[in-house]
C-alpha atoms as a PDB file:
ATOM      1  CA  MET A   1     -70.870  32.962  84.447  1.00  0.00           C
ATOM      2  CA  SER A   2     -70.694  29.338  83.332  1.00  0.00           C
ATOM      3  CA  GLN A   3     -68.386  28.183  80.563  1.00  0.00           C
ATOM      4  CA  GLU A   4     -71.250  27.928  78.094  1.00  0.00           C
ATOM      5  CA  LYS A   5     -70.361  28.098  74.406  1.00  0.00           C
ATOM      6  CA  LEU A   6     -70.884  31.621  73.128  1.00  0.00           C
ATOM      7  CA  PRO A   7     -72.847  32.073  69.906  1.00  0.00           C
ATOM      8  CA  VAL A   8     -70.689  33.391  67.069  1.00  0.00           C
ATOM      9  CA  THR A   9     -71.545  36.986  66.184  1.00  0.00           C
ATOM     10  CA  GLN A  10     -70.800  38.976  63.048  1.00  0.00           C
ATOM     11  CA  ALA A  11     -68.272  40.989  65.077  1.00  0.00           C
ATOM     12  CA  MET A  12     -66.434  37.801  66.073  1.00  0.00           C
ATOM     13  CA  ARG A  13     -66.352  36.710  62.425  1.00  0.00           C
ATOM     14  CA  VAL A  14     -64.767  40.032  61.398  1.00  0.00           C
ATOM     15  CA  LEU A  15     -62.151  39.828  64.162  1.00  0.00           C
ATOM     16  CA  ARG A  16     -61.293  36.224  63.309  1.00  0.00           C
ATOM     17  CA  ALA A  17     -61.054  37.013  59.576  1.00  0.00           C
ATOM     18  CA  ALA A  18     -58.632  39.844  60.428  1.00  0.00           C
ATOM     19  CA  ARG A  19     -56.649  37.365  62.593  1.00  0.00           C
ATOM     20  CA  VAL A  20     -57.151  39.520  65.673  1.00  0.00           C
ATOM     21  CA  ALA A  21     -56.396  38.035  69.085  1.00  0.00           C
ATOM     22  CA  PHE A  22     -59.277  38.722  71.480  1.00  0.00           C
ATOM     23  CA  THR A  23     -60.523  37.500  74.815  1.00  0.00           C
ATOM     24  CA  ASP A  24     -64.164  36.680  75.619  1.00  0.00           C
ATOM     25  CA  HIS A  25     -65.870  38.494  78.487  1.00  0.00           C
ATOM     26  CA  PRO A  26     -69.526  37.441  78.920  1.00  0.00           C
ATOM     27  CA  TYR A  27     -71.502  39.053  81.742  1.00  0.00           C
ATOM     28  CA  ALA A  28     -75.077  39.278  83.032  1.00  0.00           C
ATOM     29  CA  TYR A  29     -76.660  42.007  80.872  1.00  0.00           C
ATOM     30  CA  GLU A  30     -79.051  44.473  82.505  1.00  0.00           C
ATOM     31  CA  GLU A  31     -81.430  46.611  80.446  1.00  0.00           C
ATOM     32  CA  GLN A  32     -80.354  50.284  80.491  1.00  0.00           C
ATOM     33  CA  GLY A  33     -77.311  49.328  82.612  1.00  0.00           C
ATOM     34  CA  GLY A  34     -74.647  50.689  80.272  1.00  0.00           C
ATOM     35  CA  THR A  35     -70.941  50.356  80.863  1.00  0.00           C
ATOM     36  CA  ALA A  36     -71.367  50.592  84.654  1.00  0.00           C
ATOM     37  CA  VAL A  37     -72.935  47.107  84.687  1.00  0.00           C
ATOM     38  CA  SER A  38     -70.284  45.451  82.516  1.00  0.00           C
ATOM     39  CA  CYS A  39     -67.540  47.030  84.667  1.00  0.00           C
ATOM     40  CA  ARG A  40     -69.154  45.861  87.867  1.00  0.00           C
ATOM     41  CA  GLU A  41     -69.755  42.352  86.532  1.00  0.00           C
ATOM     42  CA  LEU A  42     -66.281  41.936  85.014  1.00  0.00           C
ATOM     43  CA  GLY A  43     -64.262  43.898  87.570  1.00  0.00           C
ATOM     44  CA  ILE A  44     -62.682  46.242  85.020  1.00  0.00           C
ATOM     45  CA  ALA A  45     -62.255  50.015  84.862  1.00  0.00           C
ATOM     46  CA  GLU A  46     -65.074  51.878  83.105  1.00  0.00           C
ATOM     47  CA  HIS A  47     -62.494  54.019  81.287  1.00  0.00           C
ATOM     48  CA  ALA A  48     -61.269  50.860  79.456  1.00  0.00           C
ATOM     49  CA  VAL A  49     -64.773  49.829  78.362  1.00  0.00           C
ATOM     50  CA  ILE A  50     -65.475  51.414  74.993  1.00  0.00           C
ATOM     51  CA  LYS A  51     -69.009  52.427  73.995  1.00  0.00           C
ATOM     52  CA  THR A  52     -70.104  52.046  70.373  1.00  0.00           C
ATOM     53  CA  LEU A  53     -72.451  54.948  69.649  1.00  0.00           C
ATOM     54  CA  VAL A  54     -74.441  55.153  66.419  1.00  0.00           C
ATOM     55  CA  MET A  55     -75.143  58.776  65.568  1.00  0.00           C
ATOM     56  CA  GLU A  56     -76.218  60.770  62.541  1.00  0.00           C
ATOM     57  CA  ASP A  57     -75.431  64.156  61.097  1.00  0.00           C
ATOM     58  CA  ASP A  58     -77.929  66.810  60.028  1.00  0.00           C
ATOM     59  CA  GLY A  59     -78.259  65.067  56.653  1.00  0.00           C
ATOM     60  CA  LYS A  60     -79.318  61.824  58.435  1.00  0.00           C
ATOM     61  CA  ARG A  61     -76.009  60.180  57.422  1.00  0.00           C
ATOM     62  CA  PRO A  62     -75.038  57.580  60.054  1.00  0.00           C
ATOM     63  CA  LEU A  63     -71.669  57.369  61.761  1.00  0.00           C
ATOM     64  CA  ILE A  64     -70.087  55.501  64.659  1.00  0.00           C
ATOM     65  CA  VAL A  65     -68.293  57.106  67.585  1.00  0.00           C
ATOM     66  CA  LEU A  66     -66.169  55.013  69.961  1.00  0.00           C
ATOM     67  CA  MET A  67     -65.876  56.587  73.411  1.00  0.00           C
ATOM     68  CA  HIS A  68     -64.619  55.650  76.896  1.00  0.00           C
ATOM     69  CA  GLY A  69     -67.402  54.245  79.078  1.00  0.00           C
ATOM     70  CA  ASP A  70     -66.928  56.978  81.676  1.00  0.00           C
ATOM     71  CA  ARG A  71     -66.965  59.872  79.194  1.00  0.00           C
ATOM     72  CA  GLU A  72     -69.538  61.508  76.916  1.00  0.00           C
ATOM     73  CA  VAL A  73     -69.255  62.758  73.334  1.00  0.00           C
ATOM     74  CA  SER A  74     -69.322  66.492  72.671  1.00  0.00           C
ATOM     75  CA  THR A  75     -71.594  66.388  69.632  1.00  0.00           C
ATOM     76  CA  ARG A  76     -70.876  70.071  69.042  1.00  0.00           C
ATOM     77  CA  GLN A  77     -67.110  69.449  68.811  1.00  0.00           C
ATOM     78  CA  LEU A  78     -67.632  66.382  66.627  1.00  0.00           C
ATOM     79  CA  ALA A  79     -69.951  68.276  64.263  1.00  0.00           C
ATOM     80  CA  ARG A  80     -67.394  71.069  63.993  1.00  0.00           C
ATOM     81  CA  HIS A  81     -64.633  68.524  63.306  1.00  0.00           C
ATOM     82  CA  ILE A  82     -66.638  66.778  60.581  1.00  0.00           C
ATOM     83  CA  GLY A  83     -67.900  70.027  59.074  1.00  0.00           C
ATOM     84  CA  VAL A  84     -71.647  69.594  59.626  1.00  0.00           C
ATOM     85  CA  LYS A  85     -74.165  71.659  61.590  1.00  0.00           C
ATOM     86  CA  THR A  86     -75.265  68.994  64.064  1.00  0.00           C
ATOM     87  CA  ILE A  87     -74.628  65.443  65.233  1.00  0.00           C
ATOM     88  CA  SER A  88     -77.178  63.564  67.314  1.00  0.00           C
ATOM     89  CA  PRO A  89     -77.662  60.025  68.618  1.00  0.00           C
ATOM     90  CA  CYS A  90     -79.856  57.770  66.484  1.00  0.00           C
ATOM     91  CA  SER A  91     -83.010  56.296  67.957  1.00  0.00           C
ATOM     92  CA  PRO A  92     -82.590  52.626  68.927  1.00  0.00           C
ATOM     93  CA  ALA A  93     -84.625  51.500  65.885  1.00  0.00           C
ATOM     94  CA  VAL A  94     -82.565  53.593  63.462  1.00  0.00           C
ATOM     95  CA  ALA A  95     -79.284  52.501  65.095  1.00  0.00           C
ATOM     96  CA  ASN A  96     -80.392  48.877  64.739  1.00  0.00           C
ATOM     97  CA  ARG A  97     -81.251  49.398  61.070  1.00  0.00           C
ATOM     98  CA  HIS A  98     -77.805  50.885  60.348  1.00  0.00           C
ATOM     99  CA  SER A  99     -75.694  48.552  62.495  1.00  0.00           C
ATOM    100  CA  GLY A 100     -77.633  45.295  62.470  1.00  0.00           C
ATOM    101  CA  TYR A 101     -77.155  45.073  66.243  1.00  0.00           C
ATOM    102  CA  LEU A 102     -79.585  45.589  69.129  1.00  0.00           C
ATOM    103  CA  LEU A 103     -79.050  48.522  71.477  1.00  0.00           C
ATOM    104  CA  GLY A 104     -76.736  47.296  74.240  1.00  0.00           C
ATOM    105  CA  GLY A 105     -75.094  44.842  71.852  1.00  0.00           C
ATOM    106  CA  THR A 106     -73.726  47.185  69.190  1.00  0.00           C
ATOM    107  CA  SER A 107     -70.221  46.447  67.969  1.00  0.00           C
ATOM    108  CA  PRO A 108     -68.252  48.590  65.516  1.00  0.00           C
ATOM    109  CA  PHE A 109     -67.111  45.361  63.825  1.00  0.00           C
ATOM    110  CA  GLY A 110     -69.339  43.757  61.206  1.00  0.00           C
ATOM    111  CA  THR A 111     -72.020  46.416  60.945  1.00  0.00           C
ATOM    112  CA  ARG A 112     -74.799  45.917  58.413  1.00  0.00           C
ATOM    113  CA  LYS A 113     -74.036  49.239  56.725  1.00  0.00           C
ATOM    114  CA  ALA A 114     -70.543  50.671  56.210  1.00  0.00           C
ATOM    115  CA  MET A 115     -70.300  53.871  58.258  1.00  0.00           C
ATOM    116  CA  PRO A 116     -67.467  56.267  59.028  1.00  0.00           C
ATOM    117  CA  VAL A 117     -65.936  55.525  62.429  1.00  0.00           C
ATOM    118  CA  TYR A 118     -64.564  58.166  64.801  1.00  0.00           C
ATOM    119  CA  VAL A 119     -62.411  57.055  67.742  1.00  0.00           C
ATOM    120  CA  GLU A 120     -61.601  59.191  70.763  1.00  0.00           C
ATOM    121  CA  ARG A 121     -57.825  59.587  70.446  1.00  0.00           C
ATOM    122  CA  SER A 122     -57.090  58.816  74.125  1.00  0.00           C
ATOM    123  CA  ILE A 123     -58.487  55.278  73.711  1.00  0.00           C
ATOM    124  CA  LEU A 124     -55.314  54.350  71.822  1.00  0.00           C
ATOM    125  CA  GLU A 125     -53.226  55.191  74.929  1.00  0.00           C
ATOM    126  CA  LEU A 126     -54.718  52.257  76.894  1.00  0.00           C
ATOM    127  CA  ASP A 127     -53.003  48.862  77.136  1.00  0.00           C
ATOM    128  CA  LYS A 128     -56.199  46.875  76.574  1.00  0.00           C
ATOM    129  CA  ILE A 129     -59.789  47.812  75.834  1.00  0.00           C
ATOM    130  CA  TYR A 130     -63.101  46.006  76.195  1.00  0.00           C
ATOM    131  CA  ILE A 131     -65.636  46.573  73.441  1.00  0.00           C
ATOM    132  CA  ASN A 132     -68.950  44.997  72.523  1.00  0.00           C
ATOM    133  CA  GLY A 133     -68.577  41.691  70.719  1.00  0.00           C
ATOM    134  CA  GLY A 134     -71.906  41.842  68.898  1.00  0.00           C
ATOM    135  CA  ARG A 135     -74.481  40.831  71.469  1.00  0.00           C
ATOM    136  CA  ARG A 136     -75.857  42.025  74.780  1.00  0.00           C
ATOM    137  CA  GLY A 137     -73.805  40.821  77.729  1.00  0.00           C
ATOM    138  CA  TYR A 138     -70.629  40.120  75.776  1.00  0.00           C
ATOM    139  CA  LEU A 139     -67.442  42.171  75.492  1.00  0.00           C
ATOM    140  CA  VAL A 140     -64.193  41.276  73.749  1.00  0.00           C
ATOM    141  CA  GLY A 141     -60.820  42.344  75.080  1.00  0.00           C
ATOM    142  CA  ILE A 142     -58.454  43.635  72.389  1.00  0.00           C
ATOM    143  CA  ALA A 143     -55.429  45.845  71.936  1.00  0.00           C
ATOM    144  CA  PRO A 144     -56.526  49.403  71.013  1.00  0.00           C
ATOM    145  CA  ARG A 145     -54.435  49.320  67.810  1.00  0.00           C
ATOM    146  CA  VAL A 146     -56.954  46.768  66.466  1.00  0.00           C
ATOM    147  CA  LEU A 147     -59.459  49.623  66.099  1.00  0.00           C
ATOM    148  CA  VAL A 148     -57.062  51.420  63.745  1.00  0.00           C
ATOM    149  CA  GLU A 149     -56.027  48.282  61.847  1.00  0.00           C
ATOM    150  CA  VAL A 150     -59.512  46.866  61.279  1.00  0.00           C
ATOM    151  CA  LEU A 151     -61.846  49.890  61.270  1.00  0.00           C
ATOM    152  CA  LYS A 152     -59.572  52.545  59.676  1.00  0.00           C
ATOM    153  CA  PRO A 153     -61.193  55.262  61.835  1.00  0.00           C
ATOM    154  CA  GLU A 154     -60.619  58.956  62.071  1.00  0.00           C
ATOM    155  CA  LEU A 155     -59.101  59.936  65.418  1.00  0.00           C
ATOM    156  CA  VAL A 156     -60.850  62.765  67.266  1.00  0.00           C
ATOM    157  CA  ALA A 157     -60.664  64.561  70.619  1.00  0.00           C
ATOM    158  CA  VAL A 158     -64.340  65.067  71.520  1.00  0.00           C
ATOM    159  CA  ALA A 159     -64.615  63.593  75.030  1.00  0.00           C
ATOM    160  CA  VAL A 160     -66.251  65.564  77.835  1.00  0.00           C
END
């Protein structure tokens, strides 16, 4: 991709305000492509690409789950961990309303609404992760500890 100037996103503002070192990784976004496309375009392992999933509990309370790109979330285990009956993904429109980001461009940093964040524990074992920087076709590379320092998440083991 050319060295075009990237537009500043709310996620980038949050990372800069927290004095977090990050690297820019723009790529050609494909609708419904998921982490497989970003991995292919950037030449990185899908396990190191972290998905930002906006979900809600049975009371319609939103939450964010951060998961490896090559893994899924056991909503049953997460619900049990949180102490609710069910957890389910939000529709794209509802996720957008809660996060302020479009589907495919959702970052856990700088969301419109404050939501509890749950991070798959094994993510913190990686040397570097790639997570959405607040727009489609743009990941930022950061140290996993940044998730803990900036987001103050709850660590969980809910990957399947």
